[in-house]
Amino acid sequence: MPAMNQLLNLLPTLALLGLALTGVEAVPSAVAAGHKVYTGRDHHRHLAEREAIRVNGGNGHTKKRRVIHRDGKIIRRKADGTQCRVRGQAGFFSSSITSTSSVTPTATSTSSVESASSTDAAVSATSDAAAVENWAAPTASSAAPAATSAVSSSSSSISSGGWVNAGSKLGAAWPNGDWAQSTDPNYIGNYIGQRTAWYYTWSPFSVSSGDRLGLEFVPMLWGPKQVSDWYAQMNSWPSTVKNALFFNEPNQSGQCDISAGDAVSYWMNDFLPIRASKGIRLGGAATTSAPSGLQWIKDFQTACTGAGNSAADCTMDFVPIHWYDTTAENFKAYVENFHSQTGLNIWVTEYACQNFNGGAQCTDQESWNLHTEMAGWFDQQSYIERYSPFGVMADMQGVNQNNALMNPDGSITSLGGWYITSA
């Protein structure tokens, strides 16, 4: 009986112990699951976004991003000089150089890259509201292409740093990262063909597979927020790098949005040195096709020499431009005028048959007509060194799908196929 009494006294304790063991078994297995490990290729990834907004009553597209004020205008940056200064319409540097061109409404587009960390970047393409800032049309005398400027593609193209399709002006504006394999439809090698010779990523990050295939990589210092990435990637650039691009859309609110005067210090301190140290040709900032774009380029050169820098140091080797509208005639007139006003050779690094004025979009045939006509015209102009159409991406982010060079599944479209074989 004593033994039986002891056993009965232990029953509550044993019951509690059983409940405790049951609770341990019920712990979710998720706590033991490992997290995904990201590789360096994920750090390279660029995400394209397009967000439509209304600006001062006009239809436009702009990318909202963090913009932090910085002081100072010339030569030396402060310790916090890696942040863009917020610029209002009346807040940019004023120049005595003015354009005499008339103004005709059209639409414009921009692209942006924003780093989430020192190695994560994002690309977006956006458009100005045409009712607010419209491109400056040339005078009648400058609208028609000069016959003397038409030369063969082979004689007008600059030397290529790559070895594939050397001499071709066609490039790929590539926001698709560096992780696709050769068996994937969105592999960069599928977008080379007989014409693509170079590429850029809106950033200083290259695509290793493209480098191995012989494409020339053109790094971009998208804006002040990319300065740390710029220095971090510089020593990893492939030997194909012979040209570089400066700020992206500095005249556009929601993009880099920095005054010409404030941009001078970044040019002098962070961009110019690679001309001497690496022998790289320097492209200017890629502005929108609003009148403020052309004026920004003029103001920059005035501000740079006005700060005491030599004309040679302030001179761009070429200038990139962006253009979005619906007629080849307006496109040609804009490019001609920009070249005439600046005296600089041109890279057209974004363009599409896209109406941002609220009107009808280009039909498939109209898009084809614009792309085929402009590619042929670009190849014939001695002052146009390079061009890259907007659309090598699965999601066109609000731009007319008829411009797409890549299908949603990553495969090449018929227009993309035409560019890499026949353009």
Protein backbone atom coordinates (compact mmCIF):
# COMPACT_ATOMS: atom_id res chain seq x y z
CA MET A 1 0.00 0.00 0.00
CA PRO A 2 2.75 2.55 0.72
CA ALA A 3 4.13 1.89 -2.76
CA MET A 4 0.67 2.35 -4.29
CA ASN A 5 0.18 5.63 -2.40
CA GLN A 6 3.54 6.92 -3.67
CA LEU A 7 2.57 6.06 -7.25
CA LEU A 8 -0.75 7.88 -6.91
CA ASN A 9 1.05 10.94 -5.53
CA LEU A 10 3.35 10.99 -8.60
CA LEU A 11 0.53 10.93 -11.17
CA PRO A 12 -0.04 14.75 -11.26
CA THR A 13 3.68 15.34 -11.74
CA LEU A 14 3.85 12.83 -14.58
CA ALA A 15 0.84 14.46 -16.26
CA LEU A 16 2.46 17.89 -16.18
CA LEU A 17 5.67 16.47 -17.62
CA GLY A 18 3.73 14.90 -20.49
CA LEU A 19 2.11 18.22 -21.35
CA ALA A 20 5.49 19.93 -21.42
CA LEU A 21 6.90 17.34 -23.81
CA THR A 22 3.88 17.71 -26.08
CA GLY A 23 4.48 21.49 -26.24
CA VAL A 24 8.08 20.98 -27.35
CA GLU A 25 6.97 18.68 -30.16
CA ALA A 26 4.48 21.30 -31.33
CA VAL A 27 7.12 24.03 -31.90
CA PRO A 28 6.82 25.15 -35.58
CA SER A 29 9.47 23.65 -37.83
CA ALA A 30 9.91 27.05 -39.50
CA VAL A 31 12.25 28.15 -36.74
CA ALA A 32 14.77 25.64 -38.03
CA ALA A 33 14.41 26.59 -41.67
CA GLY A 34 17.38 28.38 -43.25
CA HIS A 35 17.04 31.75 -44.98
CA LYS A 36 17.84 32.23 -48.63
CA VAL A 37 21.46 33.19 -49.21
CA TYR A 38 21.86 35.95 -51.75
CA THR A 39 24.86 36.06 -54.02
CA GLY A 40 26.70 38.96 -55.55
CA ARG A 41 24.53 38.65 -58.62
CA ASP A 42 21.51 39.69 -56.57
CA HIS A 43 23.35 42.81 -55.44
CA HIS A 44 23.74 43.71 -59.11
CA ARG A 45 20.01 43.48 -59.82
CA HIS A 46 18.24 46.53 -61.26
CA LEU A 47 14.46 46.85 -60.91
CA ALA A 48 12.61 48.93 -63.50
CA GLU A 49 9.58 50.91 -62.31
CA ARG A 50 7.32 53.51 -63.90
CA GLU A 51 4.79 55.51 -61.93
CA ALA A 52 2.41 57.96 -63.64
CA ILE A 53 1.64 61.24 -61.87
CA ARG A 54 0.21 64.62 -62.82
CA VAL A 55 2.63 67.55 -62.73
CA ASN A 56 1.22 71.10 -62.78
CA GLY A 57 -1.82 69.94 -64.71
CA GLY A 58 0.13 67.95 -67.29
CA ASN A 59 0.34 64.20 -67.72
CA GLY A 60 3.78 62.93 -66.81
CA HIS A 61 5.68 60.07 -65.30
CA THR A 62 8.17 60.44 -62.53
CA LYS A 63 9.95 58.15 -60.07
CA LYS A 64 9.70 59.14 -56.41
CA ARG A 65 13.00 58.72 -54.66
CA ARG A 66 14.86 60.01 -51.62
CA VAL A 67 16.53 63.35 -52.34
CA ILE A 68 18.56 65.03 -49.60
CA HIS A 69 19.71 68.64 -49.67
CA ARG A 70 23.39 69.47 -49.92
CA ASP A 71 25.08 72.88 -49.84
CA GLY A 72 27.98 74.20 -51.84
CA LYS A 73 28.32 74.72 -55.55
CA ILE A 74 31.90 74.47 -56.73
CA ILE A 75 34.84 72.12 -56.81
CA ARG A 76 34.97 70.47 -53.38
CA ARG A 77 32.18 68.42 -51.89
CA LYS A 78 31.36 68.48 -48.21
CA ALA A 79 31.40 65.27 -46.21
CA ASP A 80 27.71 64.78 -47.03
CA GLY A 81 28.25 65.63 -50.67
CA THR A 82 27.00 62.26 -51.89
CA GLN A 83 23.37 63.39 -51.72
CA CYS A 84 21.38 65.21 -54.39
CA ARG A 85 20.11 68.72 -53.75
CA VAL A 86 16.40 69.26 -54.16
CA ARG A 87 15.86 71.66 -57.01
CA GLY A 88 12.72 73.62 -57.79
CA GLN A 89 11.99 75.01 -61.23
CA ALA A 90 13.47 78.38 -60.32
CA GLY A 91 16.34 77.02 -58.26
CA PHE A 92 18.80 75.86 -60.89
CA PHE A 93 21.97 77.65 -61.91
CA SER A 94 21.35 80.55 -64.24
CA SER A 95 23.47 81.09 -67.32
CA SER A 96 23.86 83.97 -69.71
CA ILE A 97 23.78 81.45 -72.55
CA THR A 98 20.23 81.14 -73.87
CA SER A 99 18.61 79.20 -76.66
CA THR A 100 16.93 81.07 -79.50
CA SER A 101 14.86 78.04 -80.48
CA SER A 102 11.09 78.06 -80.43
CA VAL A 103 9.12 75.72 -78.20
CA THR A 104 6.87 72.95 -79.49
CA PRO A 105 4.98 70.53 -77.21
CA THR A 106 6.16 66.92 -77.10
CA ALA A 107 6.87 64.33 -74.42
CA THR A 108 10.09 63.34 -72.74
CA SER A 109 11.31 60.46 -70.66
CA THR A 110 13.96 59.81 -68.05
CA SER A 111 15.61 56.90 -66.24
CA SER A 112 16.83 56.70 -62.68
CA VAL A 113 18.89 54.45 -60.49
CA GLU A 114 18.58 54.45 -56.73
CA SER A 115 20.81 52.37 -54.48
CA ALA A 116 19.20 50.68 -51.48
CA SER A 117 22.69 49.93 -50.19
CA SER A 118 26.20 50.36 -51.49
CA THR A 119 25.59 47.56 -53.96
CA ASP A 120 21.84 47.48 -54.64
CA ALA A 121 20.60 49.69 -57.47
CA ALA A 122 17.27 50.25 -59.17
CA VAL A 123 16.49 51.66 -62.59
CA SER A 124 13.36 53.44 -63.59
CA ALA A 125 12.30 55.25 -66.73
CA THR A 126 10.05 58.29 -66.36
CA SER A 127 8.62 61.08 -68.47
CA ASP A 128 8.20 64.84 -68.07
CA ALA A 129 4.79 66.44 -68.29
CA ALA A 130 4.81 67.90 -71.76
CA ALA A 131 2.56 70.77 -70.68
CA VAL A 132 5.20 71.92 -68.22
CA GLU A 133 8.50 71.45 -70.03
CA ASN A 134 8.56 70.88 -73.76
CA TRP A 135 11.54 70.30 -75.98
CA ALA A 136 13.00 73.22 -77.84
CA ALA A 137 12.39 72.86 -81.56
CA PRO A 138 15.10 74.15 -83.91
CA THR A 139 14.67 76.92 -86.40
CA ALA A 140 13.66 76.01 -89.93
CA SER A 141 17.24 76.34 -91.12
CA SER A 142 18.52 73.81 -88.59
CA ALA A 143 15.61 71.35 -88.73
CA ALA A 144 16.65 69.60 -91.92
CA PRO A 145 19.61 67.23 -91.63
CA ALA A 146 22.63 68.61 -93.39
CA ALA A 147 23.67 66.55 -96.39
CA THR A 148 27.31 66.89 -95.41
CA SER A 149 26.66 65.07 -92.13
CA ALA A 150 25.54 61.85 -93.77
CA VAL A 151 28.37 59.35 -93.90
CA SER A 152 28.61 55.61 -93.76
CA SER A 153 28.22 53.86 -90.41
CA SER A 154 31.67 52.33 -90.65
CA SER A 155 33.40 55.69 -90.99
CA SER A 156 31.38 57.56 -88.36
CA SER A 157 31.43 55.13 -85.45
CA ILE A 158 34.00 55.45 -82.68
CA SER A 159 36.37 52.63 -81.86
CA SER A 160 34.86 49.94 -79.66
CA GLY A 161 36.38 48.61 -76.46
CA GLY A 162 34.78 45.23 -77.10
CA TRP A 163 35.49 42.71 -79.80
CA VAL A 164 31.98 41.67 -80.81
CA ASN A 165 30.33 43.70 -83.60
CA ALA A 166 33.10 46.28 -83.28
CA GLY A 167 32.19 49.46 -85.13
CA SER A 168 28.43 49.11 -84.71
CA LYS A 169 26.65 51.99 -82.99
CA LEU A 170 23.86 49.86 -81.53
CA GLY A 171 23.89 49.22 -77.79
CA ALA A 172 21.67 47.58 -75.18
CA ALA A 173 20.22 49.63 -72.33
CA TRP A 174 20.19 46.67 -69.93
CA PRO A 175 18.31 46.79 -66.58
CA ASN A 176 18.05 43.01 -66.23
CA GLY A 177 20.92 42.18 -63.92
CA ASP A 178 23.67 39.60 -64.17
CA TRP A 179 22.11 36.32 -63.10
CA ALA A 180 20.61 34.84 -66.30
CA GLN A 181 22.29 31.69 -67.58
CA SER A 182 23.00 30.87 -71.23
CA THR A 183 19.94 28.60 -71.26
CA ASP A 184 17.61 31.39 -70.06
CA PRO A 185 15.61 33.40 -72.62
CA ASN A 186 16.70 36.70 -71.01
CA TYR A 187 20.40 35.86 -71.30
CA ILE A 188 22.26 38.91 -72.59
CA GLY A 189 23.95 36.79 -75.24
CA ASN A 190 20.57 36.38 -76.95
CA TYR A 191 20.47 40.15 -77.53
CA ILE A 192 23.79 40.56 -79.36
CA GLY A 193 23.30 39.11 -82.85
CA GLN A 194 25.23 40.86 -85.60
CA ARG A 195 24.68 44.42 -84.36
CA THR A 196 24.87 44.96 -80.58
CA ALA A 197 28.35 46.14 -79.66
CA TRP A 198 28.02 47.72 -76.20
CA TYR A 199 25.72 48.01 -73.20
CA TYR A 200 25.10 50.09 -70.09
CA THR A 201 23.17 49.38 -66.89
CA TRP A 202 22.37 52.87 -65.53
CA SER A 203 25.08 52.12 -62.96
CA PRO A 204 28.78 51.25 -62.51
CA PHE A 205 27.89 47.52 -62.31
CA SER A 206 28.77 45.42 -65.35
CA VAL A 207 27.21 42.18 -66.59
CA SER A 208 29.92 39.53 -66.43
CA SER A 209 28.36 37.34 -69.12
CA GLY A 210 28.20 40.30 -71.50
CA ASP A 211 31.82 41.11 -70.75
CA ARG A 212 32.90 37.55 -71.50
CA LEU A 213 31.03 37.65 -74.80
CA GLY A 214 32.97 40.72 -75.91
CA LEU A 215 30.46 43.54 -75.44
CA GLU A 216 31.89 46.92 -74.48
CA PHE A 217 30.66 47.97 -71.04
CA VAL A 218 29.87 51.67 -70.53
CA PRO A 219 29.63 52.49 -66.80
CA MET A 220 27.39 55.30 -65.59
CA LEU A 221 27.69 57.52 -62.53
CA TRP A 222 23.91 57.91 -62.27
CA GLY A 223 24.00 60.56 -59.55
CA PRO A 224 25.61 61.60 -56.27
CA LYS A 225 24.08 58.66 -54.42
CA GLN A 226 26.11 56.27 -56.58
CA VAL A 227 29.51 57.77 -55.80
CA SER A 228 30.44 55.03 -53.31
CA ASP A 229 29.42 52.32 -55.80
CA TRP A 230 31.38 54.14 -58.48
CA TYR A 231 34.63 53.86 -56.54
CA ALA A 232 33.86 50.34 -55.31
CA GLN A 233 33.30 48.97 -58.83
CA MET A 234 35.91 50.94 -60.73
CA ASN A 235 38.76 48.47 -60.25
CA SER A 236 36.51 45.58 -61.29
CA TRP A 237 35.54 47.01 -64.66
CA PRO A 238 36.43 44.86 -67.67
CA SER A 239 39.14 46.00 -70.04
CA THR A 240 36.43 46.85 -72.58
CA VAL A 241 35.56 50.10 -70.78
CA LYS A 242 36.52 53.02 -73.03
CA ASN A 243 33.60 55.41 -72.41
CA ALA A 244 31.59 56.47 -69.36
CA LEU A 245 28.30 58.29 -68.77
CA PHE A 246 27.71 61.11 -66.27
CA PHE A 247 24.51 61.97 -64.35
CA ASN A 248 21.10 60.68 -65.45
CA GLU A 249 18.35 63.30 -65.91
CA PRO A 250 19.80 66.04 -63.65
CA ASN A 251 17.18 68.50 -64.93
CA GLN A 252 14.26 66.28 -63.92
CA SER A 253 12.41 66.43 -60.62
CA GLY A 254 12.26 62.92 -59.19
CA GLN A 255 15.47 61.87 -60.93
CA CYS A 256 18.95 63.05 -59.94
CA ASP A 257 17.57 66.58 -59.84
CA ILE A 258 20.76 68.54 -59.27
CA SER A 259 21.69 71.99 -60.52
CA ALA A 260 24.42 72.43 -63.10
CA GLY A 261 26.48 74.39 -60.58
CA ASP A 262 26.24 71.69 -57.92
CA ALA A 263 27.12 68.96 -60.41
CA VAL A 264 30.50 70.53 -61.17
CA SER A 265 32.18 69.20 -58.02
CA TYR A 266 31.16 65.63 -58.86
CA TRP A 267 32.49 65.99 -62.37
CA MET A 268 35.80 67.40 -61.17
CA ASN A 269 36.34 65.14 -58.15
CA ASP A 270 34.71 61.84 -59.06
CA PHE A 271 34.26 61.65 -62.83
CA LEU A 272 37.06 63.58 -64.52
CA PRO A 273 39.95 61.63 -62.90
CA ILE A 274 39.23 58.47 -64.93
CA ARG A 275 39.98 60.37 -68.13
CA ALA A 276 43.63 60.70 -67.09
CA SER A 277 44.03 57.55 -64.99
CA LYS A 278 42.22 55.12 -67.30
CA GLY A 279 42.07 56.91 -70.65
CA ILE A 280 38.26 56.80 -70.65
CA ARG A 281 36.20 59.19 -72.78
CA LEU A 282 33.66 61.12 -70.72
CA GLY A 283 30.04 61.62 -71.69
CA GLY A 284 28.05 64.46 -70.19
CA ALA A 285 24.82 64.19 -68.26
CA ALA A 286 21.84 62.61 -70.04
CA THR A 287 19.12 65.24 -69.85
CA THR A 288 15.45 65.08 -70.76
CA SER A 289 14.27 66.58 -74.02
CA ALA A 290 12.60 69.47 -72.21
CA PRO A 291 14.16 72.90 -72.91
CA SER A 292 15.76 72.75 -69.46
CA GLY A 293 17.81 69.77 -70.66
CA LEU A 294 19.72 71.63 -73.34
CA GLN A 295 20.03 74.63 -71.04
CA TRP A 296 21.42 72.43 -68.24
CA ILE A 297 24.27 71.29 -70.49
CA LYS A 298 25.11 74.89 -71.40
CA ASP A 299 24.86 76.02 -67.78
CA PHE A 300 27.13 73.20 -66.65
CA GLN A 301 29.95 74.19 -68.96
CA THR A 302 29.59 77.84 -67.94
CA ALA A 303 29.54 76.98 -64.23
CA CYS A 304 32.51 74.65 -64.55
CA THR A 305 34.85 77.17 -66.15
CA GLY A 306 33.38 79.94 -64.01
CA ALA A 307 34.56 78.04 -60.94
CA GLY A 308 38.14 78.37 -62.13
CA ASN A 309 38.53 75.04 -63.90
CA SER A 310 40.18 74.78 -67.30
CA ALA A 311 38.05 74.56 -70.42
CA ALA A 312 39.70 71.23 -71.21
CA ASP A 313 38.68 69.73 -67.87
CA CYS A 314 35.12 70.99 -68.26
CA THR A 315 34.71 69.70 -71.81
CA MET A 316 32.64 66.57 -72.42
CA ASP A 317 33.81 64.16 -75.10
CA PHE A 318 30.19 63.53 -76.08
CA VAL A 319 26.71 64.08 -74.62
CA PRO A 320 23.90 61.51 -74.22
CA ILE A 321 20.25 62.45 -74.71
CA HIS A 322 16.81 60.85 -74.15
CA TRP A 323 13.75 61.25 -76.36
CA TYR A 324 10.14 59.97 -76.26
CA ASP A 325 7.53 61.04 -78.82
CA THR A 326 5.70 59.74 -81.87
CA THR A 327 7.24 61.17 -85.05
CA ALA A 328 10.63 60.63 -86.62
CA GLU A 329 10.57 64.19 -87.97
CA ASN A 330 10.42 65.72 -84.48
CA PHE A 331 13.06 63.27 -83.27
CA LYS A 332 15.52 64.21 -86.01
CA ALA A 333 14.86 67.92 -85.52
CA TYR A 334 15.53 67.65 -81.79
CA VAL A 335 18.80 65.76 -82.25
CA GLU A 336 19.99 68.15 -84.95
CA ASN A 337 19.24 71.16 -82.76
CA PHE A 338 20.96 69.67 -79.70
CA HIS A 339 24.09 68.99 -81.73
CA SER A 340 24.01 72.43 -83.32
CA GLN A 341 23.54 74.21 -79.98
CA THR A 342 26.24 72.29 -78.08
CA GLY A 343 28.73 71.40 -80.79
CA LEU A 344 29.04 67.97 -79.14
CA ASN A 345 28.80 64.48 -80.56
CA ILE A 346 25.64 62.65 -79.47
CA TRP A 347 24.72 59.33 -77.85
CA VAL A 348 20.96 58.61 -77.88
CA THR A 349 20.74 56.36 -74.82
CA GLU A 350 16.93 56.13 -74.45
CA TYR A 351 14.13 56.52 -77.00
CA ALA A 352 10.76 55.03 -77.87
CA CYS A 353 7.63 55.73 -79.90
CA GLN A 354 5.58 56.83 -76.90
CA ASN A 355 2.94 59.52 -76.41
CA PHE A 356 2.98 61.06 -72.92
CA ASN A 357 0.65 63.91 -73.93
CA GLY A 358 -2.58 61.97 -73.47
CA GLY A 359 -3.02 61.34 -77.18
CA ALA A 360 -3.16 58.10 -79.11
CA GLN A 361 -0.22 55.75 -78.76
CA CYS A 362 1.82 54.58 -81.71
CA THR A 363 0.40 51.57 -83.47
CA ASP A 364 2.62 48.57 -84.00
CA GLN A 365 3.34 49.71 -87.55
CA GLU A 366 4.05 53.30 -86.47
CA SER A 367 6.48 52.04 -83.85
CA TRP A 368 8.24 49.89 -86.42
CA ASN A 369 8.42 52.82 -88.82
CA LEU A 370 9.98 55.11 -86.21
CA HIS A 371 12.53 52.56 -85.02
CA THR A 372 13.61 51.46 -88.47
CA GLU A 373 13.82 54.99 -89.84
CA MET A 374 15.72 56.37 -86.85
CA ALA A 375 18.22 53.50 -86.67
CA GLY A 376 19.13 54.05 -90.31
CA TRP A 377 19.36 57.80 -89.78
CA PHE A 378 21.54 57.42 -86.67
CA ASP A 379 23.97 55.26 -88.61
CA GLN A 380 24.30 57.94 -91.28
CA GLN A 381 25.04 60.90 -88.99
CA SER A 382 28.74 61.32 -88.28
CA TYR A 383 28.12 63.16 -85.00
CA ILE A 384 25.86 60.42 -83.59
CA GLU A 385 28.29 57.96 -82.04
CA ARG A 386 25.97 55.49 -80.32
CA TYR A 387 22.27 54.70 -79.82
CA SER A 388 20.26 52.33 -77.61
CA PRO A 389 16.45 52.03 -77.81
CA PHE A 390 14.37 51.75 -74.65
CA GLY A 391 12.75 48.37 -74.29
CA VAL A 392 15.20 45.52 -73.48
CA MET A 393 13.08 44.48 -70.50
CA ALA A 394 10.22 42.11 -69.73
CA ASP A 395 8.05 44.87 -68.21
CA MET A 396 7.95 48.10 -70.22
CA GLN A 397 6.83 50.03 -67.12
CA GLY A 398 4.17 52.12 -68.83
CA VAL A 399 5.92 52.62 -72.14
CA ASN A 400 4.03 51.48 -75.24
CA GLN A 401 4.51 47.71 -75.53
CA ASN A 402 5.05 48.04 -79.27
CA ASN A 403 8.56 49.29 -78.45
CA ALA A 404 9.49 46.18 -76.48
CA LEU A 405 12.64 44.36 -77.51
CA MET A 406 12.02 41.66 -74.87
CA ASN A 407 8.85 39.62 -74.31
CA PRO A 408 7.43 39.13 -70.79
CA ASP A 409 9.03 35.67 -70.72
CA GLY A 410 12.44 37.15 -71.48
CA SER A 411 12.61 36.05 -75.11
CA ILE A 412 13.43 38.52 -77.85
CA THR A 413 10.60 40.23 -79.76
CA SER A 414 10.40 40.64 -83.52
CA LEU A 415 11.52 44.27 -83.15
CA GLY A 416 14.41 43.18 -80.98
CA GLY A 417 15.31 40.56 -83.55
CA TRP A 418 15.30 43.20 -86.26
CA TYR A 419 17.61 45.47 -84.27
CA ILE A 420 20.26 42.81 -83.67
CA THR A 421 20.24 41.48 -87.22
CA SER A 422 19.22 44.25 -89.61
CA ALA A 423 19.46 47.67 -87.93
